[in-house]
Structures are given as C-alpha cells and as structure tokens.
C-alpha cells in the first residue's frame, strides 16, 4: 500500500506537467484584435477585410494581407511581448516562422515592423 501511495504522489505532478505541455497553444488576449497603422485603415478593414498593413490576431492564429498563420507553439509570453512558432501560408506557399509581437503604450509591432494601433 505504501508503494501505491508513493507512486500516486509522484504521478500527479508528472500528469500536471504533461497536461500543461499538451494544452492548446494560444495568443494572449492583450495581443488579440484588429490592428492597423491608422483610423482610416480601421474603416477600410471593417468594410473590406484585411488591409495591406493591418493584422487580425485571434486566439490561435493571425491574418495579414495574403498571409495566414496558425500558432504551433508558444516560445515566450509575458505582459508586453509574445513569441510563437507559426505555420504560415503566404500566397499558397507554406513555411514555419517564429514571430514576435511587442506591445508598448498601446502600440503593437510584429517583428519590429511599423506601429499598429488596435481598431475600436
């Protein structure tokens, strides 16, 4: 009986670690939404969809003009930055990419690109 208790005691932390490791990867909420360089681009986005310079970030994927990327793995996530490995489809070609999203004073940058602001 003692061995059974010891085995269960050791198994629970391992089970917790495995279930965390296999949980669905997701993009933190503070990065989600439609982001564009200007309010005018937000209006275009609402009327026509993805613009040349905007990005639409969901829980597990993001879309840019002619590009769709699905999150495969979270590399690093904190309050102001998120790095993930994505499987991207760019005009029919698939590639694996590591992309970094950074927030500062309400401004989002994807891979240190131009400043984007969340559409309202």
N, C-alpha and C. Protein backbone atom coordinates (compact mmCIF):
# COMPACT_ATOMS: atom_id res chain seq x y z
N UNK A 1 0.82 -1.19 0.00
CA UNK A 1 0.00 0.00 0.00
C UNK A 1 0.87 1.26 0.00
N UNK A 2 1.98 1.21 0.73
CA UNK A 2 2.88 2.36 0.78
C UNK A 2 3.42 2.68 -0.61
N UNK A 3 3.78 1.67 -1.39
CA UNK A 3 4.28 1.89 -2.75
C UNK A 3 3.23 2.54 -3.64
N UNK A 4 1.99 2.14 -3.46
CA UNK A 4 0.90 2.72 -4.25
C UNK A 4 0.76 4.21 -3.94
N UNK A 5 0.81 4.58 -2.66
CA UNK A 5 0.71 5.99 -2.28
C UNK A 5 1.89 6.78 -2.84
N UNK A 6 3.07 6.21 -2.77
CA UNK A 6 4.26 6.87 -3.28
C UNK A 6 4.16 7.06 -4.79
N UNK A 7 3.70 6.03 -5.50
CA UNK A 7 3.55 6.13 -6.96
C UNK A 7 2.52 7.17 -7.35
N UNK A 8 1.40 7.20 -6.64
CA UNK A 8 0.37 8.19 -6.94
C UNK A 8 0.91 9.59 -6.65
N UNK A 9 1.63 9.73 -5.55
CA UNK A 9 2.20 11.02 -5.19
C UNK A 9 3.18 11.52 -6.23
N UNK A 10 3.94 10.63 -6.83
CA UNK A 10 4.89 11.02 -7.87
C UNK A 10 4.20 11.23 -9.21
N UNK A 11 3.12 10.51 -9.44
CA UNK A 11 2.43 10.57 -10.73
C UNK A 11 1.66 11.87 -10.92
N UNK A 12 1.08 12.41 -9.86
CA UNK A 12 0.26 13.61 -10.01
C UNK A 12 1.04 14.81 -10.55
N UNK A 13 2.24 15.12 -10.03
CA UNK A 13 2.98 16.24 -10.63
C UNK A 13 3.36 16.00 -12.08
N UNK A 14 3.69 14.75 -12.41
CA UNK A 14 4.03 14.44 -13.81
C UNK A 14 2.82 14.61 -14.71
N UNK A 15 1.66 14.16 -14.23
CA UNK A 15 0.43 14.30 -15.00
C UNK A 15 0.12 15.77 -15.23
N UNK A 16 0.29 16.59 -14.21
CA UNK A 16 0.04 18.03 -14.36
C UNK A 16 0.99 18.64 -15.38
N UNK A 17 2.24 18.24 -15.34
CA UNK A 17 3.22 18.78 -16.29
C UNK A 17 2.86 18.38 -17.72
N UNK A 18 2.47 17.13 -17.92
CA UNK A 18 2.12 16.67 -19.27
C UNK A 18 0.86 17.36 -19.77
N UNK A 19 -0.14 17.54 -18.92
CA UNK A 19 -1.37 18.17 -19.39
C UNK A 19 -1.13 19.63 -19.73
N UNK A 20 -0.23 20.31 -19.01
CA UNK A 20 0.12 21.68 -19.35
C UNK A 20 0.87 21.73 -20.68
N UNK A 21 1.77 20.79 -20.87
CA UNK A 21 2.57 20.76 -22.10
C UNK A 21 1.71 20.54 -23.33
N UNK A 22 0.63 19.78 -23.19
CA UNK A 22 -0.21 19.46 -24.34
C UNK A 22 -1.46 20.33 -24.43
N UNK A 23 -1.58 21.32 -23.57
CA UNK A 23 -2.71 22.24 -23.66
C UNK A 23 -2.60 23.02 -24.97
N UNK A 24 -3.74 23.42 -25.50
CA UNK A 24 -3.74 24.16 -26.76
C UNK A 24 -2.97 25.47 -26.60
N UNK A 25 -2.08 25.73 -27.53
CA UNK A 25 -1.32 26.98 -27.52
C UNK A 25 -2.26 28.13 -27.86
N UNK A 26 -2.07 29.26 -27.20
CA UNK A 26 -2.91 30.41 -27.52
C UNK A 26 -2.14 31.72 -27.40
N UNK A 27 -2.60 32.68 -28.16
CA UNK A 27 -2.03 34.02 -28.15
C UNK A 27 -2.71 34.79 -27.02
N UNK A 28 -1.95 35.44 -26.13
CA UNK A 28 -2.55 36.17 -25.01
C UNK A 28 -3.55 37.24 -25.48
N UNK A 29 -4.58 37.45 -24.67
CA UNK A 29 -5.68 38.35 -25.02
C UNK A 29 -5.24 39.77 -25.35
N UNK A 30 -4.21 40.27 -24.68
CA UNK A 30 -3.80 41.66 -24.92
C UNK A 30 -3.27 41.89 -26.34
N UNK A 31 -2.94 40.82 -27.05
CA UNK A 31 -2.45 40.95 -28.43
C UNK A 31 -3.56 40.72 -29.46
N UNK A 32 -4.69 40.19 -29.02
CA UNK A 32 -5.76 39.84 -29.94
C UNK A 32 -6.54 41.07 -30.39
N UNK A 33 -7.05 41.00 -31.62
CA UNK A 33 -7.85 42.08 -32.16
C UNK A 33 -7.37 42.49 -33.54
N UNK A 34 -8.00 43.52 -34.06
CA UNK A 34 -7.62 44.07 -35.36
C UNK A 34 -6.73 45.28 -35.10
N UNK A 35 -5.56 45.28 -35.72
CA UNK A 35 -4.57 46.34 -35.54
C UNK A 35 -4.20 46.92 -36.90
N UNK A 36 -4.20 48.25 -37.00
CA UNK A 36 -3.82 48.93 -38.25
C UNK A 36 -2.99 50.17 -37.91
N UNK A 37 -2.32 50.75 -38.93
CA UNK A 37 -1.49 51.93 -38.66
C UNK A 37 -2.30 53.22 -38.46
N UNK A 38 -3.57 53.25 -38.86
CA UNK A 38 -4.36 54.49 -38.74
C UNK A 38 -5.84 54.18 -38.61
N UNK A 39 -6.60 55.18 -38.16
CA UNK A 39 -8.05 55.04 -38.04
C UNK A 39 -8.68 54.81 -39.42
N UNK A 40 -8.14 55.46 -40.45
CA UNK A 40 -8.66 55.27 -41.81
C UNK A 40 -8.52 53.82 -42.24
N UNK A 41 -7.39 53.21 -41.90
CA UNK A 41 -7.19 51.79 -42.22
C UNK A 41 -8.21 50.92 -41.47
N UNK A 42 -8.57 51.31 -40.25
CA UNK A 42 -9.59 50.56 -39.49
C UNK A 42 -10.91 50.56 -40.24
N UNK A 43 -11.29 51.72 -40.77
CA UNK A 43 -12.54 51.81 -41.53
C UNK A 43 -12.48 50.92 -42.77
N UNK A 44 -11.36 50.95 -43.47
CA UNK A 44 -11.18 50.09 -44.65
C UNK A 44 -11.27 48.63 -44.24
N UNK A 45 -10.63 48.29 -43.13
CA UNK A 45 -10.64 46.91 -42.64
C UNK A 45 -12.06 46.44 -42.38
N UNK A 46 -12.86 47.30 -41.73
CA UNK A 46 -14.25 46.95 -41.41
C UNK A 46 -15.07 46.72 -42.68
N UNK A 47 -14.78 47.49 -43.73
CA UNK A 47 -15.55 47.39 -44.96
C UNK A 47 -15.06 46.29 -45.90
N UNK A 48 -13.75 46.09 -45.97
CA UNK A 48 -13.18 45.21 -46.99
C UNK A 48 -12.41 44.01 -46.46
N UNK A 49 -12.14 43.98 -45.17
CA UNK A 49 -11.33 42.89 -44.63
C UNK A 49 -9.88 43.32 -44.49
N UNK A 50 -8.98 42.38 -44.43
CA UNK A 50 -7.57 42.65 -44.18
C UNK A 50 -7.02 43.68 -45.16
N UNK A 51 -6.32 44.68 -44.63
CA UNK A 51 -5.70 45.70 -45.47
C UNK A 51 -4.24 45.35 -45.72
N UNK A 52 -3.59 46.13 -46.55
CA UNK A 52 -2.17 45.89 -46.85
C UNK A 52 -1.29 45.94 -45.61
N UNK A 53 -1.67 46.75 -44.63
CA UNK A 53 -0.79 46.98 -43.49
C UNK A 53 -1.36 46.53 -42.16
N UNK A 54 -2.57 46.02 -42.12
CA UNK A 54 -3.19 45.62 -40.87
C UNK A 54 -2.95 44.16 -40.53
N UNK A 55 -3.30 43.80 -39.30
CA UNK A 55 -3.21 42.41 -38.86
C UNK A 55 -4.42 42.11 -37.97
N UNK A 56 -4.98 40.93 -38.13
CA UNK A 56 -6.09 40.46 -37.31
C UNK A 56 -5.59 39.28 -36.50
N UNK A 57 -5.48 39.45 -35.18
CA UNK A 57 -4.92 38.42 -34.32
C UNK A 57 -6.03 37.77 -33.51
N UNK A 58 -6.13 36.45 -33.61
CA UNK A 58 -7.10 35.68 -32.85
C UNK A 58 -6.43 34.90 -31.73
N UNK A 59 -7.15 33.92 -31.19
CA UNK A 59 -6.61 33.14 -30.07
C UNK A 59 -5.49 32.20 -30.47
N UNK A 60 -5.53 31.72 -31.72
CA UNK A 60 -4.51 30.75 -32.13
C UNK A 60 -4.01 30.97 -33.56
N UNK A 61 -4.30 32.13 -34.12
CA UNK A 61 -3.88 32.42 -35.50
C UNK A 61 -3.91 33.92 -35.73
N UNK A 62 -3.25 34.34 -36.80
CA UNK A 62 -3.37 35.73 -37.22
C UNK A 62 -3.36 35.79 -38.74
N UNK A 63 -3.98 36.87 -39.26
CA UNK A 63 -4.05 37.08 -40.70
C UNK A 63 -3.52 38.46 -41.03
N UNK A 64 -2.72 38.51 -42.08
CA UNK A 64 -2.28 39.75 -42.69
C UNK A 64 -2.61 39.63 -44.17
N UNK A 65 -2.38 40.68 -44.92
CA UNK A 65 -2.67 40.66 -46.35
C UNK A 65 -1.99 39.48 -47.02
N UNK A 66 -2.77 38.61 -47.63
CA UNK A 66 -2.31 37.41 -48.36
C UNK A 66 -1.51 36.43 -47.50
N UNK A 67 -1.65 36.52 -46.18
CA UNK A 67 -0.91 35.65 -45.27
C UNK A 67 -1.82 35.19 -44.14
N UNK A 68 -1.79 33.90 -43.85
CA UNK A 68 -2.49 33.35 -42.70
C UNK A 68 -1.54 32.46 -41.92
N UNK A 69 -1.45 32.65 -40.61
CA UNK A 69 -0.51 31.90 -39.79
C UNK A 69 -1.22 31.27 -38.59
N UNK A 70 -1.00 29.98 -38.39
CA UNK A 70 -1.57 29.23 -37.27
C UNK A 70 -0.49 28.98 -36.23
N UNK A 71 -0.80 29.28 -34.97
CA UNK A 71 0.15 29.08 -33.88
C UNK A 71 0.40 27.60 -33.66
N UNK A 72 1.66 27.22 -33.65
CA UNK A 72 2.06 25.83 -33.39
C UNK A 72 2.62 25.67 -31.98
N UNK A 73 3.35 26.69 -31.51
CA UNK A 73 3.99 26.59 -30.20
C UNK A 73 4.26 27.98 -29.64
N UNK A 74 4.00 28.14 -28.35
CA UNK A 74 4.36 29.37 -27.65
C UNK A 74 5.83 29.26 -27.27
N UNK A 75 6.63 30.22 -27.69
CA UNK A 75 8.05 30.25 -27.34
C UNK A 75 8.23 31.04 -26.05
N UNK A 76 7.60 32.22 -25.99
CA UNK A 76 7.70 33.07 -24.81
C UNK A 76 6.49 33.99 -24.77
N UNK A 77 5.95 34.20 -23.57
CA UNK A 77 4.82 35.10 -23.42
C UNK A 77 4.90 35.82 -22.09
N UNK A 78 4.73 37.13 -22.13
CA UNK A 78 4.60 37.91 -20.91
C UNK A 78 3.65 39.07 -21.20
N UNK A 79 3.60 40.03 -20.32
CA UNK A 79 2.64 41.12 -20.42
C UNK A 79 2.84 41.98 -21.67
N UNK A 80 4.08 42.17 -22.10
CA UNK A 80 4.34 43.10 -23.22
C UNK A 80 4.91 42.45 -24.47
N UNK A 81 5.23 41.16 -24.41
CA UNK A 81 5.74 40.51 -25.62
C UNK A 81 5.27 39.06 -25.71
N UNK A 82 5.15 38.62 -26.94
CA UNK A 82 4.73 37.25 -27.22
C UNK A 82 5.52 36.76 -28.42
N UNK A 83 6.15 35.61 -28.28
CA UNK A 83 6.85 34.99 -29.39
C UNK A 83 6.28 33.60 -29.60
N UNK A 84 5.96 33.28 -30.84
CA UNK A 84 5.40 31.96 -31.14
C UNK A 84 5.95 31.42 -32.44
N UNK A 85 5.88 30.10 -32.56
CA UNK A 85 6.21 29.44 -33.82
C UNK A 85 4.90 29.21 -34.55
N UNK A 86 4.86 29.63 -35.80
CA UNK A 86 3.64 29.59 -36.59
C UNK A 86 3.87 28.81 -37.87
N UNK A 87 2.81 28.17 -38.35
CA UNK A 87 2.79 27.57 -39.67
C UNK A 87 2.01 28.55 -40.54
N UNK A 88 2.70 29.15 -41.51
CA UNK A 88 2.11 30.23 -42.30
C UNK A 88 1.90 29.82 -43.75
N UNK A 89 0.82 30.34 -44.32
CA UNK A 89 0.52 30.15 -45.73
C UNK A 89 0.55 31.53 -46.37
N UNK A 90 1.53 31.74 -47.25
CA UNK A 90 1.69 33.02 -47.93
C UNK A 90 1.50 32.78 -49.42
N UNK A 91 0.37 33.24 -49.93
CA UNK A 91 0.04 33.08 -51.35
C UNK A 91 0.22 31.64 -51.81
N UNK A 92 -0.21 30.68 -51.00
CA UNK A 92 -0.16 29.27 -51.37
C UNK A 92 1.09 28.53 -50.96
N UNK A 93 2.10 29.23 -50.48
CA UNK A 93 3.34 28.59 -50.02
C UNK A 93 3.34 28.50 -48.50
N UNK A 94 3.65 27.33 -47.97
CA UNK A 94 3.65 27.10 -46.53
C UNK A 94 5.06 27.14 -45.97
N UNK A 95 5.20 27.80 -44.82
CA UNK A 95 6.51 27.86 -44.16
C UNK A 95 6.31 27.92 -42.65
N UNK A 96 7.35 27.54 -41.93
CA UNK A 96 7.36 27.64 -40.48
C UNK A 96 8.11 28.92 -40.11
N UNK A 97 7.49 29.74 -39.26
CA UNK A 97 8.08 31.03 -38.90
C UNK A 97 8.01 31.24 -37.40
N UNK A 98 9.00 31.93 -36.86
CA UNK A 98 8.95 32.38 -35.48
C UNK A 98 8.71 33.88 -35.52
N UNK A 99 7.61 34.33 -34.90
CA UNK A 99 7.23 35.73 -34.94
C UNK A 99 7.09 36.30 -33.54
N UNK A 100 7.49 37.57 -33.40
CA UNK A 100 7.42 38.24 -32.11
C UNK A 100 6.47 39.43 -32.18
N UNK A 101 5.57 39.50 -31.21
CA UNK A 101 4.62 40.60 -31.08
C UNK A 101 5.00 41.38 -29.82
N UNK A 102 5.12 42.71 -29.95
CA UNK A 102 5.53 43.54 -28.83
C UNK A 102 4.54 44.68 -28.64
N UNK A 103 4.14 44.91 -27.38
CA UNK A 103 3.23 46.00 -27.03
C UNK A 103 3.98 47.06 -26.23
N UNK A 104 3.72 48.33 -26.56
CA UNK A 104 4.29 49.44 -25.80
C UNK A 104 3.37 50.65 -25.96
N UNK A 105 2.81 51.12 -24.85
CA UNK A 105 1.92 52.29 -24.86
C UNK A 105 0.79 52.17 -25.88
N UNK A 106 0.16 51.01 -25.94
CA UNK A 106 -0.96 50.79 -26.85
C UNK A 106 -0.58 50.58 -28.30
N UNK A 107 0.71 50.45 -28.57
CA UNK A 107 1.20 50.24 -29.94
C UNK A 107 1.72 48.82 -30.07
N UNK A 108 1.29 48.14 -31.12
CA UNK A 108 1.74 46.77 -31.41
C UNK A 108 2.74 46.80 -32.55
N UNK A 109 3.78 46.03 -32.41
CA UNK A 109 4.73 45.81 -33.50
C UNK A 109 4.88 44.31 -33.70
N UNK A 110 4.82 43.88 -34.95
CA UNK A 110 5.03 42.48 -35.30
C UNK A 110 6.41 42.39 -35.93
N UNK A 111 7.30 41.64 -35.29
CA UNK A 111 8.69 41.53 -35.77
C UNK A 111 9.33 42.90 -35.99
N UNK A 112 9.10 43.81 -35.04
CA UNK A 112 9.67 45.17 -35.07
C UNK A 112 9.27 45.97 -36.30
N UNK A 113 8.10 45.67 -36.87
CA UNK A 113 7.63 46.41 -38.05
C UNK A 113 6.99 47.73 -37.60
N UNK A 114 6.23 48.32 -38.50
CA UNK A 114 5.60 49.61 -38.22
C UNK A 114 4.64 49.53 -37.04
N UNK A 115 4.39 50.69 -36.44
CA UNK A 115 3.49 50.79 -35.29
C UNK A 115 2.05 50.58 -35.73
N UNK A 116 1.34 49.71 -35.01
CA UNK A 116 -0.07 49.44 -35.28
C UNK A 116 -0.87 49.75 -34.02
N UNK A 117 -2.10 50.27 -34.22
CA UNK A 117 -2.98 50.56 -33.10
C UNK A 117 -4.25 49.73 -33.25
N UNK A 118 -4.78 49.33 -32.10
CA UNK A 118 -5.98 48.49 -32.10
C UNK A 118 -7.18 49.28 -32.62
N UNK A 119 -7.93 48.68 -33.51
CA UNK A 119 -9.16 49.29 -34.02
C UNK A 119 -10.25 49.19 -32.96
N UNK A 120 -11.10 50.21 -32.92
CA UNK A 120 -12.20 50.23 -31.93
C UNK A 120 -13.50 49.87 -32.60
